[in-house]
PDB file of all heavy atoms in Angstrom:
ATOM      1  N   SER A   1      89.130 117.225 103.429  1.00  0.00           N
ATOM      2  CA  SER A   1      90.172 116.537 102.665  1.00  0.00           C
ATOM      3  C   SER A   1      90.396 117.186 101.323  1.00  0.00           C
ATOM      4  O   SER A   1      91.523 117.329 100.872  1.00  0.00           O
ATOM      5  CB  SER A   1      89.804 115.067 102.489  1.00  0.00           C
ATOM      6  OG  SER A   1      89.726 114.440 103.726  1.00  0.00           O
ATOM      7  N   VAL A   2      89.325 117.560 100.637  1.00  0.00           N
ATOM      8  CA  VAL A   2      89.441 118.175  99.316  1.00  0.00           C
ATOM      9  C   VAL A   2      90.194 119.491  99.417  1.00  0.00           C
ATOM     10  O   VAL A   2      91.131 119.786  98.656  1.00  0.00           O
ATOM     11  CB  VAL A   2      88.067 118.359  98.684  1.00  0.00           C
ATOM     12  CG1 VAL A   2      88.152 119.243  97.445  1.00  0.00           C
ATOM     13  CG2 VAL A   2      87.471 116.998  98.323  1.00  0.00           C
ATOM     14  N   VAL A   3      89.801 120.326 100.395  1.00  0.00           N
ATOM     15  CA  VAL A   3      90.446 121.625 100.559  1.00  0.00           C
ATOM     16  C   VAL A   3      91.925 121.481 100.947  1.00  0.00           C
ATOM     17  O   VAL A   3      92.822 122.125 100.388  1.00  0.00           O
ATOM     18  CB  VAL A   3      89.675 122.474 101.608  1.00  0.00           C
ATOM     19  CG1 VAL A   3      90.425 123.733 101.939  1.00  0.00           C
ATOM     20  CG2 VAL A   3      88.295 122.793 101.105  1.00  0.00           C
ATOM     21  N   ALA A   4      92.216 120.580 101.885  1.00  0.00           N
ATOM     22  CA  ALA A   4      93.585 120.385 102.337  1.00  0.00           C
ATOM     23  C   ALA A   4      94.461 119.802 101.234  1.00  0.00           C
ATOM     24  O   ALA A   4      95.615 120.201 101.069  1.00  0.00           O
ATOM     25  CB  ALA A   4      93.598 119.464 103.572  1.00  0.00           C
ATOM     26  N   THR A   5      93.912 118.888 100.458  1.00  0.00           N
ATOM     27  CA  THR A   5      94.687 118.295  99.365  1.00  0.00           C
ATOM     28  C   THR A   5      95.025 119.318  98.325  1.00  0.00           C
ATOM     29  O   THR A   5      96.153 119.361  97.803  1.00  0.00           O
ATOM     30  CB  THR A   5      93.899 117.111  98.751  1.00  0.00           C
ATOM     31  OG1 THR A   5      93.632 116.125  99.759  1.00  0.00           O
ATOM     32  CG2 THR A   5      94.679 116.453  97.610  1.00  0.00           C
ATOM     33  N   ALA A   6      94.054 120.163  97.953  1.00  0.00           N
ATOM     34  CA  ALA A   6      94.332 121.216  96.980  1.00  0.00           C
ATOM     35  C   ALA A   6      95.423 122.148  97.457  1.00  0.00           C
ATOM     36  O   ALA A   6      96.322 122.535  96.688  1.00  0.00           O
ATOM     37  CB  ALA A   6      93.034 121.989  96.689  1.00  0.00           C
ATOM     38  N   LYS A   7      95.375 122.527  98.701  1.00  0.00           N
ATOM     39  CA  LYS A   7      96.396 123.417  99.258  1.00  0.00           C
ATOM     40  C   LYS A   7      97.773 122.748  99.279  1.00  0.00           C
ATOM     41  O   LYS A   7      98.759 123.342  98.858  1.00  0.00           O
ATOM     42  CB  LYS A   7      95.962 123.822 100.682  1.00  0.00           C
ATOM     43  CG  LYS A   7      96.827 124.867 101.313  1.00  0.00           C
ATOM     44  CD  LYS A   7      96.623 126.199 100.651  1.00  0.00           C
ATOM     45  CE  LYS A   7      97.287 127.267 101.462  1.00  0.00           C
ATOM     46  NZ  LYS A   7      97.108 128.570 100.891  1.00  0.00           N
ATOM     47  N   HIS A   8      97.844 121.502  99.753  1.00  0.00           N
ATOM     48  CA  HIS A   8      99.114 120.823  99.863  1.00  0.00           C
ATOM     49  C   HIS A   8      99.693 120.420  98.516  1.00  0.00           C
ATOM     50  O   HIS A   8     100.929 120.266  98.362  1.00  0.00           O
ATOM     51  CB  HIS A   8      99.023 119.633 100.815  1.00  0.00           C
ATOM     52  CG  HIS A   8      99.082 120.010 102.233  1.00  0.00           C
ATOM     53  ND1 HIS A   8     100.268 120.254 102.866  1.00  0.00           N
ATOM     54  CD2 HIS A   8      98.096 120.221 103.155  1.00  0.00           C
ATOM     55  CE1 HIS A   8     100.019 120.593 104.119  1.00  0.00           C
ATOM     56  NE2 HIS A   8      98.721 120.562 104.327  1.00  0.00           N
ATOM     57  N   ARG A   9      98.838 120.246  97.548  1.00  0.00           N
ATOM     58  CA  ARG A   9      99.332 119.900  96.198  1.00  0.00           C
ATOM     59  C   ARG A   9     100.153 121.039  95.610  1.00  0.00           C
ATOM     60  O   ARG A   9     101.132 120.821  94.884  1.00  0.00           O
ATOM     61  CB  ARG A   9      98.164 119.521  95.285  1.00  0.00           C
ATOM     62  CG  ARG A   9      98.684 118.971  93.963  1.00  0.00           C
ATOM     63  CD  ARG A   9      97.630 118.225  93.239  1.00  0.00           C
ATOM     64  NE  ARG A   9      98.263 117.642  92.048  1.00  0.00           N
ATOM     65  CZ  ARG A   9      97.624 117.334  90.969  1.00  0.00           C
ATOM     66  NH1 ARG A   9      96.309 117.512  90.942  1.00  0.00           N
ATOM     67  NH2 ARG A   9      98.237 116.814  89.958  1.00  0.00           N
ATOM     68  N   LYS A  10      99.743 122.263  95.923  1.00  0.00           N
ATOM     69  CA  LYS A  10     100.516 123.419  95.483  1.00  0.00           C
ATOM     70  C   LYS A  10     101.938 123.398  96.008  1.00  0.00           C
ATOM     71  O   LYS A  10     102.870 123.864  95.357  1.00  0.00           O
ATOM     72  CB  LYS A  10      99.830 124.734  95.902  1.00  0.00           C
ATOM     73  CG  LYS A  10      98.546 125.030  95.197  1.00  0.00           C
ATOM     74  CD  LYS A  10      97.952 126.313  95.688  1.00  0.00           C
ATOM     75  CE  LYS A  10      96.622 126.610  95.050  1.00  0.00           C
ATOM     76  NZ  LYS A  10      96.009 127.837  95.576  1.00  0.00           N
ATOM     77  N   TYR A  11     102.108 122.880  97.229  1.00  0.00           N
ATOM     78  CA  TYR A  11     103.434 122.825  97.865  1.00  0.00           C
ATOM     79  C   TYR A  11     104.184 121.554  97.519  1.00  0.00           C
ATOM     80  O   TYR A  11     105.315 121.368  97.968  1.00  0.00           O
ATOM     81  CB  TYR A  11     103.313 122.930  99.357  1.00  0.00           C
ATOM     82  CG  TYR A  11     102.676 124.208  99.850  1.00  0.00           C
ATOM     83  CD1 TYR A  11     101.588 124.204 100.698  1.00  0.00           C
ATOM     84  CD2 TYR A  11     103.197 125.430  99.454  1.00  0.00           C
ATOM     85  CE1 TYR A  11     101.032 125.389 101.136  1.00  0.00           C
ATOM     86  CE2 TYR A  11     102.633 126.620  99.870  1.00  0.00           C
ATOM     87  CZ  TYR A  11     101.547 126.592 100.728  1.00  0.00           C
ATOM     88  OH  TYR A  11     100.990 127.771 101.148  1.00  0.00           O
ATOM     89  N   GLY A  12     103.580 120.645  96.737  1.00  0.00           N
ATOM     90  CA  GLY A  12     104.244 119.391  96.371  1.00  0.00           C
ATOM     91  C   GLY A  12     104.265 118.343  97.445  1.00  0.00           C
ATOM     92  O   GLY A  12     105.094 117.461  97.462  1.00  0.00           O
ATOM     93  N   ASN A  13     103.315 118.428  98.390  1.00  0.00           N
ATOM     94  CA  ASN A  13     103.258 117.512  99.547  1.00  0.00           C
ATOM     95  C   ASN A  13     102.279 116.340  99.338  1.00  0.00           C
ATOM     96  O   ASN A  13     102.011 115.624 100.263  1.00  0.00           O
ATOM     97  CB  ASN A  13     102.838 118.250 100.799  1.00  0.00           C
ATOM     98  CG  ASN A  13     103.843 119.292 101.204  1.00  0.00           C
ATOM     99  OD1 ASN A  13     105.028 119.196 100.876  1.00  0.00           O
ATOM    100  ND2 ASN A  13     103.385 120.313 101.880  1.00  0.00           N
ATOM    101  N   VAL A  14     101.764 116.140  98.117  1.00  0.00           N
ATOM    102  CA  VAL A  14     100.746 115.129  97.916  1.00  0.00           C
ATOM    103  C   VAL A  14     101.350 113.948  97.130  1.00  0.00           C
ATOM    104  O   VAL A  14     101.902 114.138  96.053  1.00  0.00           O
ATOM    105  CB  VAL A  14      99.547 115.714  97.153  1.00  0.00           C
ATOM    106  CG1 VAL A  14      98.518 114.638  96.837  1.00  0.00           C
ATOM    107  CG2 VAL A  14      98.892 116.831  97.967  1.00  0.00           C
ATOM    108  N   ASP A  15     101.197 112.781  97.691  1.00  0.00           N
ATOM    109  CA  ASP A  15     101.610 111.535  97.008  1.00  0.00           C
ATOM    110  C   ASP A  15     100.388 111.010  96.271  1.00  0.00           C
ATOM    111  O   ASP A  15      99.446 110.487  96.904  1.00  0.00           O
ATOM    112  CB  ASP A  15     102.119 110.517  98.038  1.00  0.00           C
ATOM    113  CG  ASP A  15     102.608 109.238  97.417  1.00  0.00           C
ATOM    114  OD1 ASP A  15     102.567 109.103  96.171  1.00  0.00           O
ATOM    115  OD2 ASP A  15     103.069 108.386  98.209  1.00  0.00           O
ATOM    116  N   MET A  16     100.368 111.139  94.969  1.00  0.00           N
ATOM    117  CA  MET A  16      99.159 110.791  94.178  1.00  0.00           C
ATOM    118  C   MET A  16      98.890 109.284  94.248  1.00  0.00           C
ATOM    119  O   MET A  16      97.726 108.889  94.290  1.00  0.00           O
ATOM    120  CB  MET A  16      99.334 111.233  92.720  1.00  0.00           C
ATOM    121  CG  MET A  16      99.402 112.736  92.572  1.00  0.00           C
ATOM    122  SD  MET A  16      97.947 113.570  93.244  1.00  0.00           S
ATOM    123  CE  MET A  16      96.733 113.172  92.038  1.00  0.00           C
ATOM    124  N   ARG A  17      99.932 108.418  94.273  1.00  0.00           N
ATOM    125  CA  ARG A  17      99.671 106.982  94.368  1.00  0.00           C
ATOM    126  C   ARG A  17      98.963 106.620  95.647  1.00  0.00           C
ATOM    127  O   ARG A  17      98.005 105.876  95.657  1.00  0.00           O
ATOM    128  CB  ARG A  17     100.983 106.205  94.285  1.00  0.00           C
ATOM    129  CG  ARG A  17     101.491 106.012  92.903  1.00  0.00           C
ATOM    130  CD  ARG A  17     102.662 105.052  92.858  1.00  0.00           C
ATOM    131  NE  ARG A  17     103.418 105.083  94.100  1.00  0.00           N
ATOM    132  CZ  ARG A  17     104.524 104.452  94.292  1.00  0.00           C
ATOM    133  NH1 ARG A  17     105.060 103.751  93.322  1.00  0.00           N
ATOM    134  NH2 ARG A  17     105.177 104.515  95.455  1.00  0.00           N
ATOM    135  N   LEU A  18      99.437 107.184  96.777  1.00  0.00           N
ATOM    136  CA  LEU A  18      98.790 106.921  98.055  1.00  0.00           C
ATOM    137  C   LEU A  18      97.362 107.468  98.061  1.00  0.00           C
ATOM    138  O   LEU A  18      96.451 106.831  98.568  1.00  0.00           O
ATOM    139  CB  LEU A  18      99.606 107.563  99.167  1.00  0.00           C
ATOM    140  CG  LEU A  18      99.057 107.355 100.589  1.00  0.00           C
ATOM    141  CD1 LEU A  18      98.974 105.892 100.918  1.00  0.00           C
ATOM    142  CD2 LEU A  18      99.920 108.104 101.589  1.00  0.00           C
ATOM    143  N   GLY A  19      97.148 108.623  97.480  1.00  0.00           N
ATOM    144  CA  GLY A  19      95.815 109.188  97.419  1.00  0.00           C
ATOM    145  C   GLY A  19      94.846 108.322  96.650  1.00  0.00           C
ATOM    146  O   GLY A  19      93.700 108.134  97.041  1.00  0.00           O
ATOM    147  N   LEU A  20      95.320 107.763  95.544  1.00  0.00           N
ATOM    148  CA  LEU A  20      94.456 106.850  94.750  1.00  0.00           C
ATOM    149  C   LEU A  20      94.145 105.600  95.545  1.00  0.00           C
ATOM    150  O   LEU A  20      93.014 105.056  95.481  1.00  0.00           O
ATOM    151  CB  LEU A  20      95.125 106.519  93.414  1.00  0.00           C
ATOM    152  CG  LEU A  20      95.233 107.691  92.456  1.00  0.00           C
ATOM    153  CD1 LEU A  20      96.035 107.277  91.221  1.00  0.00           C
ATOM    154  CD2 LEU A  20      93.851 108.178  92.052  1.00  0.00           C
ATOM    155  N   LEU A  21      95.110 105.085  96.309  1.00  0.00           N
ATOM    156  CA  LEU A  21      94.824 103.926  97.147  1.00  0.00           C
ATOM    157  C   LEU A  21      93.818 104.234  98.239  1.00  0.00           C
ATOM    158  O   LEU A  21      93.017 103.368  98.644  1.00  0.00           O
ATOM    159  CB  LEU A  21      96.115 103.404  97.784  1.00  0.00           C
ATOM    160  CG  LEU A  21      97.089 102.729  96.847  1.00  0.00           C
ATOM    161  CD1 LEU A  21      98.423 102.404  97.558  1.00  0.00           C
ATOM    162  CD2 LEU A  21      96.495 101.451  96.283  1.00  0.00           C
ATOM    163  N   MET A  22      93.824 105.449  98.743  1.00  0.00           N
ATOM    164  CA  MET A  22      92.931 105.834  99.837  1.00  0.00           C
ATOM    165  C   MET A  22      91.504 106.051  99.372  1.00  0.00           C
ATOM    166  O   MET A  22      90.599 106.195 100.196  1.00  0.00           O
ATOM    167  CB  MET A  22      93.480 107.069 100.554  1.00  0.00           C
ATOM    168  CG  MET A  22      94.751 106.758 101.313  1.00  0.00           C
ATOM    169  SD  MET A  22      95.425 108.175 102.124  1.00  0.00           S
ATOM    170  CE  MET A  22      94.189 108.487 103.375  1.00  0.00           C
ATOM    171  N   ILE A  23      91.242 106.063  98.084  1.00  0.00           N
ATOM    172  CA  ILE A  23      89.896 106.186  97.577  1.00  0.00           C
ATOM    173  C   ILE A  23      89.059 105.006  97.984  1.00  0.00           C
ATOM    174  O   ILE A  23      87.824 105.080  98.048  1.00  0.00           O
ATOM    175  CB  ILE A  23      89.929 106.388  96.041  1.00  0.00           C
ATOM    176  CG1 ILE A  23      90.480 107.777  95.724  1.00  0.00           C
ATOM    177  CG2 ILE A  23      88.560 106.198  95.424  1.00  0.00           C
ATOM    178  CD1 ILE A  23      90.664 108.069  94.263  1.00  0.00           C
ATOM    179  N   VAL A  24      89.677 103.905  98.339  1.00  0.00           N
ATOM    180  CA  VAL A  24      88.957 102.692  98.758  1.00  0.00           C
ATOM    181  C   VAL A  24      88.198 102.935 100.062  1.00  0.00           C
ATOM    182  O   VAL A  24      87.217 102.275 100.340  1.00  0.00           O
ATOM    183  CB  VAL A  24      89.953 101.515  98.869  1.00  0.00           C
ATOM    184  CG1 VAL A  24      89.285 100.289  99.417  1.00  0.00           C
ATOM    185  CG2 VAL A  24      90.614 101.285  97.544  1.00  0.00           C
ATOM    186  N   GLY A  25      88.623 103.890 100.887  1.00  0.00           N
ATOM    187  CA  GLY A  25      88.042 104.114 102.216  1.00  0.00           C
ATOM    188  C   GLY A  25      86.556 104.439 102.265  1.00  0.00           C
ATOM    189  O   GLY A  25      85.830 103.802 103.013  1.00  0.00           O
ATOM    190  N   PRO A  26      86.051 105.423 101.517  1.00  0.00           N
ATOM    191  CA  PRO A  26      84.662 105.778 101.633  1.00  0.00           C
ATOM    192  C   PRO A  26      83.640 104.665 101.386  1.00  0.00           C
ATOM    193  O   PRO A  26      82.677 104.537 102.127  1.00  0.00           O
ATOM    194  CB  PRO A  26      84.482 106.920 100.648  1.00  0.00           C
ATOM    195  CG  PRO A  26      85.840 107.534 100.580  1.00  0.00           C
ATOM    196  CD  PRO A  26      86.800 106.379 100.721  1.00  0.00           C
ATOM    197  N   PRO A  27      83.857 103.791 100.360  1.00  0.00           N
ATOM    198  CA  PRO A  27      82.885 102.683 100.234  1.00  0.00           C
ATOM    199  C   PRO A  27      82.819 101.778 101.435  1.00  0.00           C
ATOM    200  O   PRO A  27      81.783 101.284 101.803  1.00  0.00           O
ATOM    201  CB  PRO A  27      83.381 101.940  98.982  1.00  0.00           C
ATOM    202  CG  PRO A  27      84.131 102.933  98.212  1.00  0.00           C
ATOM    203  CD  PRO A  27      84.784 103.844  99.244  1.00  0.00           C
ATOM    204  N   SER A  28      83.982 101.554 102.091  1.00  0.00           N
ATOM    205  CA  SER A  28      83.951 100.714 103.261  1.00  0.00           C
ATOM    206  C   SER A  28      83.209 101.401 104.419  1.00  0.00           C
ATOM    207  O   SER A  28      82.589 100.763 105.241  1.00  0.00           O
ATOM    208  CB  SER A  28      85.372 100.317 103.700  1.00  0.00           C
ATOM    209  OG  SER A  28      86.066 101.462 104.157  1.00  0.00           O
ATOM    210  N   GLY A  29      83.239 102.735 104.453  1.00  0.00           N
ATOM    211  CA  GLY A  29      82.501 103.492 105.450  1.00  0.00           C
ATOM    212  C   GLY A  29      81.002 103.327 105.272  1.00  0.00           C
ATOM    213  O   GLY A  29      80.259 103.210 106.255  1.00  0.00           O
ATOM    214  N   SER A  30      80.533 103.330 104.031  1.00  0.00           N
ATOM    215  CA  SER A  30      79.105 103.132 103.808  1.00  0.00           C
ATOM    216  C   SER A  30      78.680 101.730 104.174  1.00  0.00           C
ATOM    217  O   SER A  30      77.582 101.517 104.643  1.00  0.00           O
ATOM    218  CB  SER A  30      78.726 103.477 102.356  1.00  0.00           C
ATOM    219  OG  SER A  30      79.375 102.570 101.481  1.00  0.00           O
ATOM    220  N   ARG A  31      79.567 100.767 103.975  1.00  0.00           N
ATOM    221  CA  ARG A  31      79.256  99.398 104.417  1.00  0.00           C
ATOM    222  C   ARG A  31      79.165  99.328 105.918  1.00  0.00           C
ATOM    223  O   ARG A  31      78.336  98.603 106.468  1.00  0.00           O
ATOM    224  CB  ARG A  31      80.310  98.406 103.891  1.00  0.00           C
ATOM    225  CG  ARG A  31      80.063  98.005 102.466  1.00  0.00           C
ATOM    226  CD  ARG A  31      81.029  96.936 102.003  1.00  0.00           C
ATOM    227  NE  ARG A  31      81.737  97.495 100.871  1.00  0.00           N
ATOM    228  CZ  ARG A  31      83.035  97.731 100.804  1.00  0.00           C
ATOM    229  NH1 ARG A  31      83.819  97.369 101.803  1.00  0.00           N
ATOM    230  NH2 ARG A  31      83.578  98.273  99.757  1.00  0.00           N
ATOM    231  N   ARG A  32      80.022 100.088 106.611  1.00  0.00           N
ATOM    232  CA  ARG A  32      79.953 100.085 108.090  1.00  0.00           C
ATOM    233  C   ARG A  32      78.638 100.671 108.538  1.00  0.00           C
ATOM    234  O   ARG A  32      78.024 100.160 109.482  1.00  0.00           O
ATOM    235  CB  ARG A  32      81.106 100.905 108.655  1.00  0.00           C
ATOM    236  CG  ARG A  32      82.428 100.212 108.708  1.00  0.00           C
ATOM    237  CD  ARG A  32      83.424 101.011 109.464  1.00  0.00           C
ATOM    238  NE  ARG A  32      83.635 102.294 108.807  1.00  0.00           N
ATOM    239  CZ  ARG A  32      84.748 102.663 108.211  1.00  0.00           C
ATOM    240  NH1 ARG A  32      85.774 101.838 108.184  1.00  0.00           N
ATOM    241  NH2 ARG A  32      84.867 103.801 107.628  1.00  0.00           N
ATOM    242  N   ALA A  33      78.152 101.746 107.888  1.00  0.00           N
ATOM    243  CA  ALA A  33      76.890 102.345 108.290  1.00  0.00           C
ATOM    244  C   ALA A  33      75.760 101.349 108.081  1.00  0.00           C
ATOM    245  O   ALA A  33      74.854 101.236 108.919  1.00  0.00           O
ATOM    246  CB  ALA A  33      76.638 103.603 107.490  1.00  0.00           C
ATOM    247  N   THR A  34      75.793 100.613 106.980  1.00  0.00           N
ATOM    248  CA  THR A  34      74.741  99.602 106.694  1.00  0.00           C
ATOM    249  C   THR A  34      74.800  98.516 107.761  1.00  0.00           C
ATOM    250  O   THR A  34      73.764  98.077 108.263  1.00  0.00           O
ATOM    251  CB  THR A  34      74.944  99.012 105.298  1.00  0.00           C
ATOM    252  OG1 THR A  34      74.965 100.055 104.335  1.00  0.00           O
ATOM    253  CG2 THR A  34      73.860  98.015 104.971  1.00  0.00           C
ATOM    254  N   THR A  35      75.973  98.097 108.127  1.00  0.00           N
ATOM    255  CA  THR A  35      76.133  97.061 109.157  1.00  0.00           C
ATOM    256  C   THR A  35      75.614  97.544 110.510  1.00  0.00           C
ATOM    257  O   THR A  35      74.920  96.815 111.214  1.00  0.00           O
ATOM    258  CB  THR A  35      77.593  96.637 109.259  1.00  0.00           C
ATOM    259  OG1 THR A  35      78.047  96.193 107.986  1.00  0.00           O
ATOM    260  CG2 THR A  35      77.777  95.535 110.295  1.00  0.00           C
ATOM    261  N   ILE A  36      75.956  98.776 110.858  1.00  0.00           N
ATOM    262  CA  ILE A  36      75.462  99.354 112.146  1.00  0.00           C
ATOM    263  C   ILE A  36      73.959  99.415 112.144  1.00  0.00           C
ATOM    264  O   ILE A  36      73.307  99.039 113.167  1.00  0.00           O
ATOM    265  CB  ILE A  36      76.071 100.770 112.367  1.00  0.00           C
ATOM    266  CG1 ILE A  36      77.570 100.686 112.532  1.00  0.00           C
ATOM    267  CG2 ILE A  36      75.406 101.466 113.509  1.00  0.00           C
ATOM    268  CD1 ILE A  36      78.040 100.147 113.871  1.00  0.00           C
TER     269      ILE A  36
END
């Protein structure tokens, strides 16, 4: 994701607002691992 975002940002294909909203995802993934 980091590599792809850096590449696509050069082309103007990155929506920064959506990206900031998607930061919520990884903490929920760690909660899933704890639940599993």
